[in-house]
Amino acid sequence: WFRQAPGKEREGVSCISGSGGTTMYADSVKGRFTISRD
């Protein structure tokens, strides 16, 4: 998941591996956002 606000660069927010076993979060969203897959 990526995001881009007007006038700002695109930012990686969160990501998840194919198995779902590995996730990553940008520091700005840690503890607030959760990625999952079905």
PDB file of all heavy atoms in Angstrom:
ATOM      1  N   TRP A   1       0.863  -1.187   0.000  1.00  0.00           N
ATOM      2  CA  TRP A   1       0.000   0.000   0.000  1.00  0.00           C
ATOM      3  C   TRP A   1       0.897   1.234   0.000  1.00  0.00           C
ATOM      4  O   TRP A   1       1.821   1.338   0.823  1.00  0.00           O
ATOM      5  CB  TRP A   1      -0.911   0.030   1.220  1.00  0.00           C
ATOM      6  CG  TRP A   1      -2.087  -0.874   1.145  1.00  0.00           C
ATOM      7  CD1 TRP A   1      -2.201  -2.121   1.686  1.00  0.00           C
ATOM      8  CD2 TRP A   1      -3.325  -0.606   0.492  1.00  0.00           C
ATOM      9  NE1 TRP A   1      -3.447  -2.639   1.407  1.00  0.00           N
ATOM     10  CE2 TRP A   1      -4.155  -1.734   0.676  1.00  0.00           C
ATOM     11  CE3 TRP A   1      -3.834   0.485  -0.233  1.00  0.00           C
ATOM     12  CZ2 TRP A   1      -5.463  -1.809   0.164  1.00  0.00           C
ATOM     13  CZ3 TRP A   1      -5.112   0.399  -0.736  1.00  0.00           C
ATOM     14  CH2 TRP A   1      -5.912  -0.734  -0.540  1.00  0.00           C
ATOM     15  N   PHE A   2       0.586   2.140  -0.907  1.00  0.00           N
ATOM     16  CA  PHE A   2       1.341   3.373  -1.035  1.00  0.00           C
ATOM     17  C   PHE A   2       0.366   4.540  -0.983  1.00  0.00           C
ATOM     18  O   PHE A   2      -0.828   4.366  -1.236  1.00  0.00           O
ATOM     19  CB  PHE A   2       2.110   3.383  -2.367  1.00  0.00           C
ATOM     20  CG  PHE A   2       3.091   2.256  -2.484  1.00  0.00           C
ATOM     21  CD1 PHE A   2       2.685   0.996  -2.898  1.00  0.00           C
ATOM     22  CD2 PHE A   2       4.422   2.443  -2.177  1.00  0.00           C
ATOM     23  CE1 PHE A   2       3.584  -0.063  -2.987  1.00  0.00           C
ATOM     24  CE2 PHE A   2       5.332   1.397  -2.259  1.00  0.00           C
ATOM     25  CZ  PHE A   2       4.911   0.147  -2.671  1.00  0.00           C
ATOM     26  N   ARG A   3       0.863   5.711  -0.683  1.00  0.00           N
ATOM     27  CA  ARG A   3       0.001   6.879  -0.688  1.00  0.00           C
ATOM     28  C   ARG A   3       0.764   8.078  -1.241  1.00  0.00           C
ATOM     29  O   ARG A   3       1.995   8.138  -1.177  1.00  0.00           O
ATOM     30  CB  ARG A   3      -0.525   7.178   0.712  1.00  0.00           C
ATOM     31  CG  ARG A   3       0.530   7.624   1.719  1.00  0.00           C
ATOM     32  CD  ARG A   3      -0.093   7.745   3.111  1.00  0.00           C
ATOM     33  NE  ARG A   3       0.874   8.189   4.105  1.00  0.00           N
ATOM     34  CZ  ARG A   3       0.628   8.259   5.407  1.00  0.00           C
ATOM     35  NH1 ARG A   3      -0.583   7.907   5.881  1.00  0.00           N
ATOM     36  NH2 ARG A   3       1.557   8.671   6.239  1.00  0.00           N
ATOM     37  N   GLN A   4      -0.007   8.984  -1.798  1.00  0.00           N
ATOM     38  CA  GLN A   4       0.585  10.206  -2.318  1.00  0.00           C
ATOM     39  C   GLN A   4      -0.373  11.361  -2.077  1.00  0.00           C
ATOM     40  O   GLN A   4      -1.539  11.317  -2.492  1.00  0.00           O
ATOM     41  CB  GLN A   4       0.901  10.084  -3.813  1.00  0.00           C
ATOM     42  CG  GLN A   4       1.706  11.253  -4.343  1.00  0.00           C
ATOM     43  CD  GLN A   4       2.323  10.968  -5.690  1.00  0.00           C
ATOM     44  OE1 GLN A   4       1.890  10.088  -6.425  1.00  0.00           O
ATOM     45  NE2 GLN A   4       3.371  11.703  -6.027  1.00  0.00           N
ATOM     46  N   ALA A   5       0.135  12.361  -1.395  1.00  0.00           N
ATOM     47  CA  ALA A   5      -0.628  13.573  -1.148  1.00  0.00           C
ATOM     48  C   ALA A   5      -0.193  14.630  -2.155  1.00  0.00           C
ATOM     49  O   ALA A   5       0.932  14.575  -2.675  1.00  0.00           O
ATOM     50  CB  ALA A   5      -0.375  14.068   0.280  1.00  0.00           C
ATOM     51  N   PRO A   6      -1.045  15.603  -2.441  1.00  0.00           N
ATOM     52  CA  PRO A   6      -0.677  16.654  -3.397  1.00  0.00           C
ATOM     53  C   PRO A   6       0.621  17.341  -3.005  1.00  0.00           C
ATOM     54  O   PRO A   6       0.809  17.739  -1.862  1.00  0.00           O
ATOM     55  CB  PRO A   6      -1.870  17.611  -3.316  1.00  0.00           C
ATOM     56  CG  PRO A   6      -3.006  16.769  -2.874  1.00  0.00           C
ATOM     57  CD  PRO A   6      -2.415  15.758  -1.949  1.00  0.00           C
ATOM     58  N   GLY A   7       1.528  17.443  -3.970  1.00  0.00           N
ATOM     59  CA  GLY A   7       2.784  18.124  -3.728  1.00  0.00           C
ATOM     60  C   GLY A   7       3.815  17.317  -2.969  1.00  0.00           C
ATOM     61  O   GLY A   7       4.894  17.820  -2.656  1.00  0.00           O
ATOM     62  N   LYS A   8       3.490  16.063  -2.678  1.00  0.00           N
ATOM     63  CA  LYS A   8       4.428  15.217  -1.932  1.00  0.00           C
ATOM     64  C   LYS A   8       4.792  13.987  -2.747  1.00  0.00           C
ATOM     65  O   LYS A   8       4.073  13.592  -3.656  1.00  0.00           O
ATOM     66  CB  LYS A   8       3.818  14.802  -0.594  1.00  0.00           C
ATOM     67  CG  LYS A   8       3.587  15.950   0.365  1.00  0.00           C
ATOM     68  CD  LYS A   8       3.177  15.441   1.731  1.00  0.00           C
ATOM     69  CE  LYS A   8       3.027  16.589   2.721  1.00  0.00           C
ATOM     70  NZ  LYS A   8       2.635  16.095   4.071  1.00  0.00           N
ATOM     71  N   GLU A   9       5.897  13.389  -2.382  1.00  0.00           N
ATOM     72  CA  GLU A   9       6.323  12.169  -3.055  1.00  0.00           C
ATOM     73  C   GLU A   9       5.483  10.981  -2.583  1.00  0.00           C
ATOM     74  O   GLU A   9       4.945  10.977  -1.479  1.00  0.00           O
ATOM     75  CB  GLU A   9       7.805  11.898  -2.776  1.00  0.00           C
ATOM     76  CG  GLU A   9       8.737  12.898  -3.405  1.00  0.00           C
ATOM     77  CD  GLU A   9      10.191  12.493  -3.273  1.00  0.00           C
ATOM     78  OE1 GLU A   9      10.475  11.471  -2.631  1.00  0.00           O
ATOM     79  OE2 GLU A   9      11.041  13.214  -3.811  1.00  0.00           O
ATOM     80  N   ARG A  10       5.401   9.969  -3.433  1.00  0.00           N
ATOM     81  CA  ARG A  10       4.726   8.736  -3.065  1.00  0.00           C
ATOM     82  C   ARG A  10       5.465   8.076  -1.904  1.00  0.00           C
ATOM     83  O   ARG A  10       6.694   8.039  -1.884  1.00  0.00           O
ATOM     84  CB  ARG A  10       4.672   7.799  -4.263  1.00  0.00           C
ATOM     85  CG  ARG A  10       3.945   6.495  -4.017  1.00  0.00           C
ATOM     86  CD  ARG A  10       3.775   5.738  -5.313  1.00  0.00           C
ATOM     87  NE  ARG A  10       5.024   5.611  -6.038  1.00  0.00           N
ATOM     88  CZ  ARG A  10       5.119   5.160  -7.279  1.00  0.00           C
ATOM     89  NH1 ARG A  10       4.034   4.837  -7.950  1.00  0.00           N
ATOM     90  NH2 ARG A  10       6.291   5.057  -7.864  1.00  0.00           N
ATOM     91  N   GLU A  11       4.704   7.548  -0.970  1.00  0.00           N
ATOM     92  CA  GLU A  11       5.266   6.969   0.244  1.00  0.00           C
ATOM     93  C   GLU A  11       4.770   5.539   0.409  1.00  0.00           C
ATOM     94  O   GLU A  11       3.563   5.288   0.268  1.00  0.00           O
ATOM     95  CB  GLU A  11       4.835   7.803   1.452  1.00  0.00           C
ATOM     96  CG  GLU A  11       5.209   7.222   2.802  1.00  0.00           C
ATOM     97  CD  GLU A  11       4.580   7.966   3.963  1.00  0.00           C
ATOM     98  OE1 GLU A  11       3.597   8.696   3.751  1.00  0.00           O
ATOM     99  OE2 GLU A  11       5.057   7.799   5.105  1.00  0.00           O
ATOM    100  N   GLY A  12       5.667   4.629   0.711  1.00  0.00           N
ATOM    101  CA  GLY A  12       5.261   3.270   1.039  1.00  0.00           C
ATOM    102  C   GLY A  12       4.684   3.254   2.436  1.00  0.00           C
ATOM    103  O   GLY A  12       5.326   3.705   3.376  1.00  0.00           O
ATOM    104  N   VAL A  13       3.482   2.739   2.596  1.00  0.00           N
ATOM    105  CA  VAL A  13       2.773   2.749   3.867  1.00  0.00           C
ATOM    106  C   VAL A  13       2.892   1.405   4.579  1.00  0.00           C
ATOM    107  O   VAL A  13       3.252   1.340   5.746  1.00  0.00           O
ATOM    108  CB  VAL A  13       1.299   3.095   3.650  1.00  0.00           C
ATOM    109  CG1 VAL A  13       0.510   2.997   4.954  1.00  0.00           C
ATOM    110  CG2 VAL A  13       1.153   4.490   3.056  1.00  0.00           C
ATOM    111  N   SER A  14       2.591   0.343   3.850  1.00  0.00           N
ATOM    112  CA  SER A  14       2.619  -0.990   4.444  1.00  0.00           C
ATOM    113  C   SER A  14       2.699  -2.006   3.331  1.00  0.00           C
ATOM    114  O   SER A  14       2.335  -1.730   2.187  1.00  0.00           O
ATOM    115  CB  SER A  14       1.352  -1.233   5.276  1.00  0.00           C
ATOM    116  OG  SER A  14       1.393  -2.502   5.891  1.00  0.00           O
ATOM    117  N   CYS A  15       3.183  -3.198   3.659  1.00  0.00           N
ATOM    118  CA  CYS A  15       3.254  -4.256   2.666  1.00  0.00           C
ATOM    119  C   CYS A  15       3.181  -5.610   3.366  1.00  0.00           C
ATOM    120  O   CYS A  15       3.433  -5.715   4.572  1.00  0.00           O
ATOM    121  CB  CYS A  15       4.511  -4.147   1.819  1.00  0.00           C
ATOM    122  SG  CYS A  15       6.042  -4.159   2.773  1.00  0.00           S
ATOM    123  N   ILE A  16       2.836  -6.621   2.574  1.00  0.00           N
ATOM    124  CA  ILE A  16       2.672  -7.961   3.118  1.00  0.00           C
ATOM    125  C   ILE A  16       3.164  -8.969   2.100  1.00  0.00           C
ATOM    126  O   ILE A  16       2.996  -8.798   0.891  1.00  0.00           O
ATOM    127  CB  ILE A  16       1.187  -8.203   3.496  1.00  0.00           C
ATOM    128  CG1 ILE A  16       1.002  -9.516   4.239  1.00  0.00           C
ATOM    129  CG2 ILE A  16       0.280  -8.133   2.256  1.00  0.00           C
ATOM    130  CD1 ILE A  16      -0.384  -9.641   4.879  1.00  0.00           C
ATOM    131  N   SER A  17       3.789 -10.019   2.584  1.00  0.00           N
ATOM    132  CA  SER A  17       4.307 -11.054   1.695  1.00  0.00           C
ATOM    133  C   SER A  17       3.183 -11.934   1.170  1.00  0.00           C
ATOM    134  O   SER A  17       2.056 -11.896   1.666  1.00  0.00           O
ATOM    135  CB  SER A  17       5.327 -11.914   2.448  1.00  0.00           C
ATOM    136  OG  SER A  17       4.685 -12.578   3.537  1.00  0.00           O
ATOM    137  N   GLY A  18       3.520 -12.744   0.154  1.00  0.00           N
ATOM    138  CA  GLY A  18       2.530 -13.630  -0.434  1.00  0.00           C
ATOM    139  C   GLY A  18       1.934 -14.602   0.573  1.00  0.00           C
ATOM    140  O   GLY A  18       0.739 -14.912   0.526  1.00  0.00           O
ATOM    141  N   SER A  19       2.744 -15.057   1.501  1.00  0.00           N
ATOM    142  CA  SER A  19       2.262 -15.991   2.519  1.00  0.00           C
ATOM    143  C   SER A  19       1.503 -15.292   3.631  1.00  0.00           C
ATOM    144  O   SER A  19       0.825 -15.936   4.427  1.00  0.00           O
ATOM    145  CB  SER A  19       3.445 -16.736   3.136  1.00  0.00           C
ATOM    146  OG  SER A  19       4.246 -15.838   3.879  1.00  0.00           O
ATOM    147  N   GLY A  20       1.662 -13.979   3.707  1.00  0.00           N
ATOM    148  CA  GLY A  20       1.062 -13.222   4.806  1.00  0.00           C
ATOM    149  C   GLY A  20       1.904 -13.217   6.060  1.00  0.00           C
ATOM    150  O   GLY A  20       1.574 -12.534   7.029  1.00  0.00           O
ATOM    151  N   GLY A  21       3.020 -13.939   6.034  1.00  0.00           N
ATOM    152  CA  GLY A  21       3.820 -14.070   7.240  1.00  0.00           C
ATOM    153  C   GLY A  21       4.755 -12.914   7.518  1.00  0.00           C
ATOM    154  O   GLY A  21       5.274 -12.787   8.634  1.00  0.00           O
ATOM    155  N   THR A  22       4.985 -12.086   6.520  1.00  0.00           N
ATOM    156  CA  THR A  22       5.875 -10.933   6.683  1.00  0.00           C
ATOM    157  C   THR A  22       5.110  -9.664   6.380  1.00  0.00           C
ATOM    158  O   THR A  22       4.474  -9.562   5.336  1.00  0.00           O
ATOM    159  CB  THR A  22       7.079 -11.029   5.742  1.00  0.00           C
ATOM    160  OG1 THR A  22       7.751 -12.273   5.938  1.00  0.00           O
ATOM    161  CG2 THR A  22       8.045  -9.879   5.981  1.00  0.00           C
ATOM    162  N   THR A  23       5.172  -8.728   7.298  1.00  0.00           N
ATOM    163  CA  THR A  23       4.544  -7.433   7.078  1.00  0.00           C
ATOM    164  C   THR A  23       5.535  -6.330   7.434  1.00  0.00           C
ATOM    165  O   THR A  23       6.447  -6.533   8.251  1.00  0.00           O
ATOM    166  CB  THR A  23       3.273  -7.255   7.928  1.00  0.00           C
ATOM    167  OG1 THR A  23       3.605  -7.415   9.312  1.00  0.00           O
ATOM    168  CG2 THR A  23       2.205  -8.278   7.549  1.00  0.00           C
ATOM    169  N   MET A  24       5.344  -5.188   6.818  1.00  0.00           N
ATOM    170  CA  MET A  24       6.180  -4.031   7.101  1.00  0.00           C
ATOM    171  C   MET A  24       5.297  -2.797   7.151  1.00  0.00           C
ATOM    172  O   MET A  24       4.268  -2.731   6.464  1.00  0.00           O
ATOM    173  CB  MET A  24       7.253  -3.853   6.022  1.00  0.00           C
ATOM    174  CG  MET A  24       8.226  -5.009   5.900  1.00  0.00           C
ATOM    175  SD  MET A  24       9.384  -4.805   4.522  1.00  0.00           S
ATOM    176  CE  MET A  24      10.299  -3.367   5.061  1.00  0.00           C
ATOM    177  N   TYR A  25       5.728  -1.811   7.946  1.00  0.00           N
ATOM    178  CA  TYR A  25       4.985  -0.571   8.084  1.00  0.00           C
ATOM    179  C   TYR A  25       5.944   0.611   8.086  1.00  0.00           C
ATOM    180  O   TYR A  25       7.045   0.536   8.643  1.00  0.00           O
ATOM    181  CB  TYR A  25       4.188  -0.554   9.392  1.00  0.00           C
ATOM    182  CG  TYR A  25       3.135  -1.633   9.479  1.00  0.00           C
ATOM    183  CD1 TYR A  25       3.423  -2.874  10.040  1.00  0.00           C
ATOM    184  CD2 TYR A  25       1.855  -1.420   8.973  1.00  0.00           C
ATOM    185  CE1 TYR A  25       2.469  -3.869  10.111  1.00  0.00           C
ATOM    186  CE2 TYR A  25       0.892  -2.419   9.041  1.00  0.00           C
ATOM    187  CZ  TYR A  25       1.215  -3.637   9.610  1.00  0.00           C
ATOM    188  OH  TYR A  25       0.256  -4.620   9.657  1.00  0.00           O
ATOM    189  N   ALA A  26       5.502   1.690   7.488  1.00  0.00           N
ATOM    190  CA  ALA A  26       6.228   2.942   7.627  1.00  0.00           C
ATOM    191  C   ALA A  26       6.146   3.396   9.085  1.00  0.00           C
ATOM    192  O   ALA A  26       5.153   3.137   9.771  1.00  0.00           O
ATOM    193  CB  ALA A  26       5.629   4.003   6.711  1.00  0.00           C
ATOM    194  N   ASP A  27       7.178   4.071   9.540  1.00  0.00           N
ATOM    195  CA  ASP A  27       7.189   4.539  10.936  1.00  0.00           C
ATOM    196  C   ASP A  27       5.989   5.417  11.239  1.00  0.00           C
ATOM    197  O   ASP A  27       5.467   5.400  12.359  1.00  0.00           O
ATOM    198  CB  ASP A  27       8.479   5.306  11.210  1.00  0.00           C
ATOM    199  CG  ASP A  27       9.696   4.407  11.292  1.00  0.00           C
ATOM    200  OD1 ASP A  27       9.521   3.170  11.446  1.00  0.00           O
ATOM    201  OD2 ASP A  27      10.817   4.925  11.186  1.00  0.00           O
ATOM    202  N   SER A  28       5.544   6.162  10.233  1.00  0.00           N
ATOM    203  CA  SER A  28       4.449   7.116  10.444  1.00  0.00           C
ATOM    204  C   SER A  28       3.107   6.444  10.719  1.00  0.00           C
ATOM    205  O   SER A  28       2.185   7.106  11.208  1.00  0.00           O
ATOM    206  CB  SER A  28       4.323   8.033   9.226  1.00  0.00           C
ATOM    207  OG  SER A  28       4.112   7.268   8.049  1.00  0.00           O
ATOM    208  N   VAL A  29       3.000   5.143  10.422  1.00  0.00           N
ATOM    209  CA  VAL A  29       1.710   4.476  10.613  1.00  0.00           C
ATOM    210  C   VAL A  29       1.787   3.281  11.567  1.00  0.00           C
ATOM    211  O   VAL A  29       0.763   2.662  11.858  1.00  0.00           O
ATOM    212  CB  VAL A  29       1.120   4.000   9.265  1.00  0.00           C
ATOM    213  CG1 VAL A  29       1.042   5.167   8.281  1.00  0.00           C
ATOM    214  CG2 VAL A  29       1.909   2.840   8.677  1.00  0.00           C
ATOM    215  N   LYS A  30       2.965   2.976  12.056  1.00  0.00           N
ATOM    216  CA  LYS A  30       3.115   1.834  12.970  1.00  0.00           C
ATOM    217  C   LYS A  30       2.228   1.998  14.188  1.00  0.00           C
ATOM    218  O   LYS A  30       2.161   3.070  14.788  1.00  0.00           O
ATOM    219  CB  LYS A  30       4.570   1.702  13.416  1.00  0.00           C
ATOM    220  CG  LYS A  30       5.451   0.971  12.440  1.00  0.00           C
ATOM    221  CD  LYS A  30       6.880   0.851  12.956  1.00  0.00           C
ATOM    222  CE  LYS A  30       7.766   0.185  11.929  1.00  0.00           C
ATOM    223  NZ  LYS A  30       9.184   0.153  12.357  1.00  0.00           N
ATOM    224  N   GLY A  31       1.552   0.912  14.526  1.00  0.00           N
ATOM    225  CA  GLY A  31       0.659   0.937  15.678  1.00  0.00           C
ATOM    226  C   GLY A  31      -0.726   1.457  15.363  1.00  0.00           C
ATOM    227  O   GLY A  31      -1.627   1.359  16.202  1.00  0.00           O
ATOM    228  N   ARG A  32      -0.914   2.015  14.180  1.00  0.00           N
ATOM    229  CA  ARG A  32      -2.223   2.561  13.788  1.00  0.00           C
ATOM    230  C   ARG A  32      -2.827   1.808  12.615  1.00  0.00           C
ATOM    231  O   ARG A  32      -4.043   1.696  12.521  1.00  0.00           O
ATOM    232  CB  ARG A  32      -2.091   4.042  13.433  1.00  0.00           C
ATOM    233  CG  ARG A  32      -1.570   4.900  14.554  1.00  0.00           C
ATOM    234  CD  ARG A  32      -1.655   6.377  14.210  1.00  0.00           C
ATOM    235  NE  ARG A  32      -0.864   6.737  13.041  1.00  0.00           N
ATOM    236  CZ  ARG A  32      -1.389   7.296  11.927  1.00  0.00           C
ATOM    237  NH1 ARG A  32      -2.687   7.529  11.850  1.00  0.00           N
ATOM    238  NH2 ARG A  32      -0.587   7.616  10.923  1.00  0.00           N
ATOM    239  N   PHE A  33      -1.992   1.319  11.709  1.00  0.00           N
ATOM    240  CA  PHE A  33      -2.460   0.615  10.508  1.00  0.00           C
ATOM    241  C   PHE A  33      -2.116  -0.862  10.621  1.00  0.00           C
ATOM    242  O   PHE A  33      -1.083  -1.237  11.178  1.00  0.00           O
ATOM    243  CB  PHE A  33      -1.790   1.183   9.257  1.00  0.00           C
ATOM    244  CG  PHE A  33      -2.211   2.564   8.858  1.00  0.00           C
ATOM    245  CD1 PHE A  33      -2.963   3.372   9.706  1.00  0.00           C
ATOM    246  CD2 PHE A  33      -1.853   3.073   7.613  1.00  0.00           C
ATOM    247  CE1 PHE A  33      -3.352   4.640   9.334  1.00  0.00           C
ATOM    248  CE2 PHE A  33      -2.228   4.344   7.214  1.00  0.00           C
ATOM    249  CZ  PHE A  33      -2.970   5.132   8.077  1.00  0.00           C
ATOM    250  N   THR A  34      -2.995  -1.692  10.063  1.00  0.00           N
ATOM    251  CA  THR A  34      -2.758  -3.133  10.020  1.00  0.00           C
ATOM    252  C   THR A  34      -3.084  -3.658   8.635  1.00  0.00           C
ATOM    253  O   THR A  34      -4.182  -3.424   8.128  1.00  0.00           O
ATOM    254  CB  THR A  34      -3.627  -3.867  11.054  1.00  0.00           C
ATOM    255  OG1 THR A  34      -3.354  -3.353  12.371  1.00  0.00           O
ATOM    256  CG2 THR A  34      -3.324  -5.365  11.034  1.00  0.00           C
ATOM    257  N   ILE A  35      -2.138  -4.358   8.057  1.00  0.00           N
ATOM    258  CA  ILE A  35      -2.351  -4.958   6.736  1.00  0.00           C
ATOM    259  C   ILE A  35      -2.664  -6.442   6.918  1.00  0.00           C
ATOM    260  O   ILE A  35      -2.115  -7.102   7.807  1.00  0.00           O
ATOM    261  CB  ILE A  35      -1.115  -4.742   5.835  1.00  0.00           C
ATOM    262  CG1 ILE A  35      -1.430  -5.102   4.387  1.00  0.00           C
ATOM    263  CG2 ILE A  35       0.090  -5.513   6.351  1.00  0.00           C
ATOM    264  CD1 ILE A  35      -0.338  -4.674   3.402  1.00  0.00           C
ATOM    265  N   SER A  36      -3.538  -6.951   6.077  1.00  0.00           N
ATOM    266  CA  SER A  36      -3.877  -8.372   6.128  1.00  0.00           C
ATOM    267  C   SER A  36      -4.301  -8.808   4.729  1.00  0.00           C
ATOM    268  O   SER A  36      -4.547  -7.971   3.855  1.00  0.00           O
ATOM    269  CB  SER A  36      -4.994  -8.639   7.137  1.00  0.00           C
ATOM    270  OG  SER A  36      -6.184  -7.966   6.768  1.00  0.00           O
ATOM    271  N   ARG A  37      -4.407 -10.100   4.544  1.00  0.00           N
ATOM    272  CA  ARG A  37      -4.818 -10.589   3.238  1.00  0.00           C
ATOM    273  C   ARG A  37      -5.708 -11.812   3.410  1.00  0.00           C
ATOM    274  O   ARG A  37      -5.551 -12.586   4.376  1.00  0.00           O
ATOM    275  CB  ARG A  37      -3.604 -10.918   2.359  1.00  0.00           C
ATOM    276  CG  ARG A  37      -2.721 -12.040   2.845  1.00  0.00           C
ATOM    277  CD  ARG A  37      -1.430 -12.088   2.019  1.00  0.00           C
ATOM    278  NE  ARG A  37      -1.714 -12.310   0.619  1.00  0.00           N
ATOM    279  CZ  ARG A  37      -0.930 -11.897  -0.393  1.00  0.00           C
ATOM    280  NH1 ARG A  37       0.192 -11.250  -0.122  1.00  0.00           N
ATOM    281  NH2 ARG A  37      -1.255 -12.148  -1.632  1.00  0.00           N
ATOM    282  N   ASP A  38      -6.607 -11.954   2.455  1.00  0.00           N
ATOM    283  CA  ASP A  38      -7.476 -13.119   2.379  1.00  0.00           C
ATOM    284  C   ASP A  38      -7.323 -13.658   0.966  1.00  0.00           C
ATOM    285  O   ASP A  38      -7.997 -13.194   0.033  1.00  0.00           O
ATOM    286  CB  ASP A  38      -8.925 -12.729   2.680  1.00  0.00           C
ATOM    287  CG  ASP A  38      -9.850 -13.923   2.732  1.00  0.00           C
ATOM    288  OD1 ASP A  38      -9.502 -14.992   2.200  1.00  0.00           O
ATOM    289  OD2 ASP A  38     -10.952 -13.781   3.299  1.00  0.00           O
TER     290      ASP A  38
END
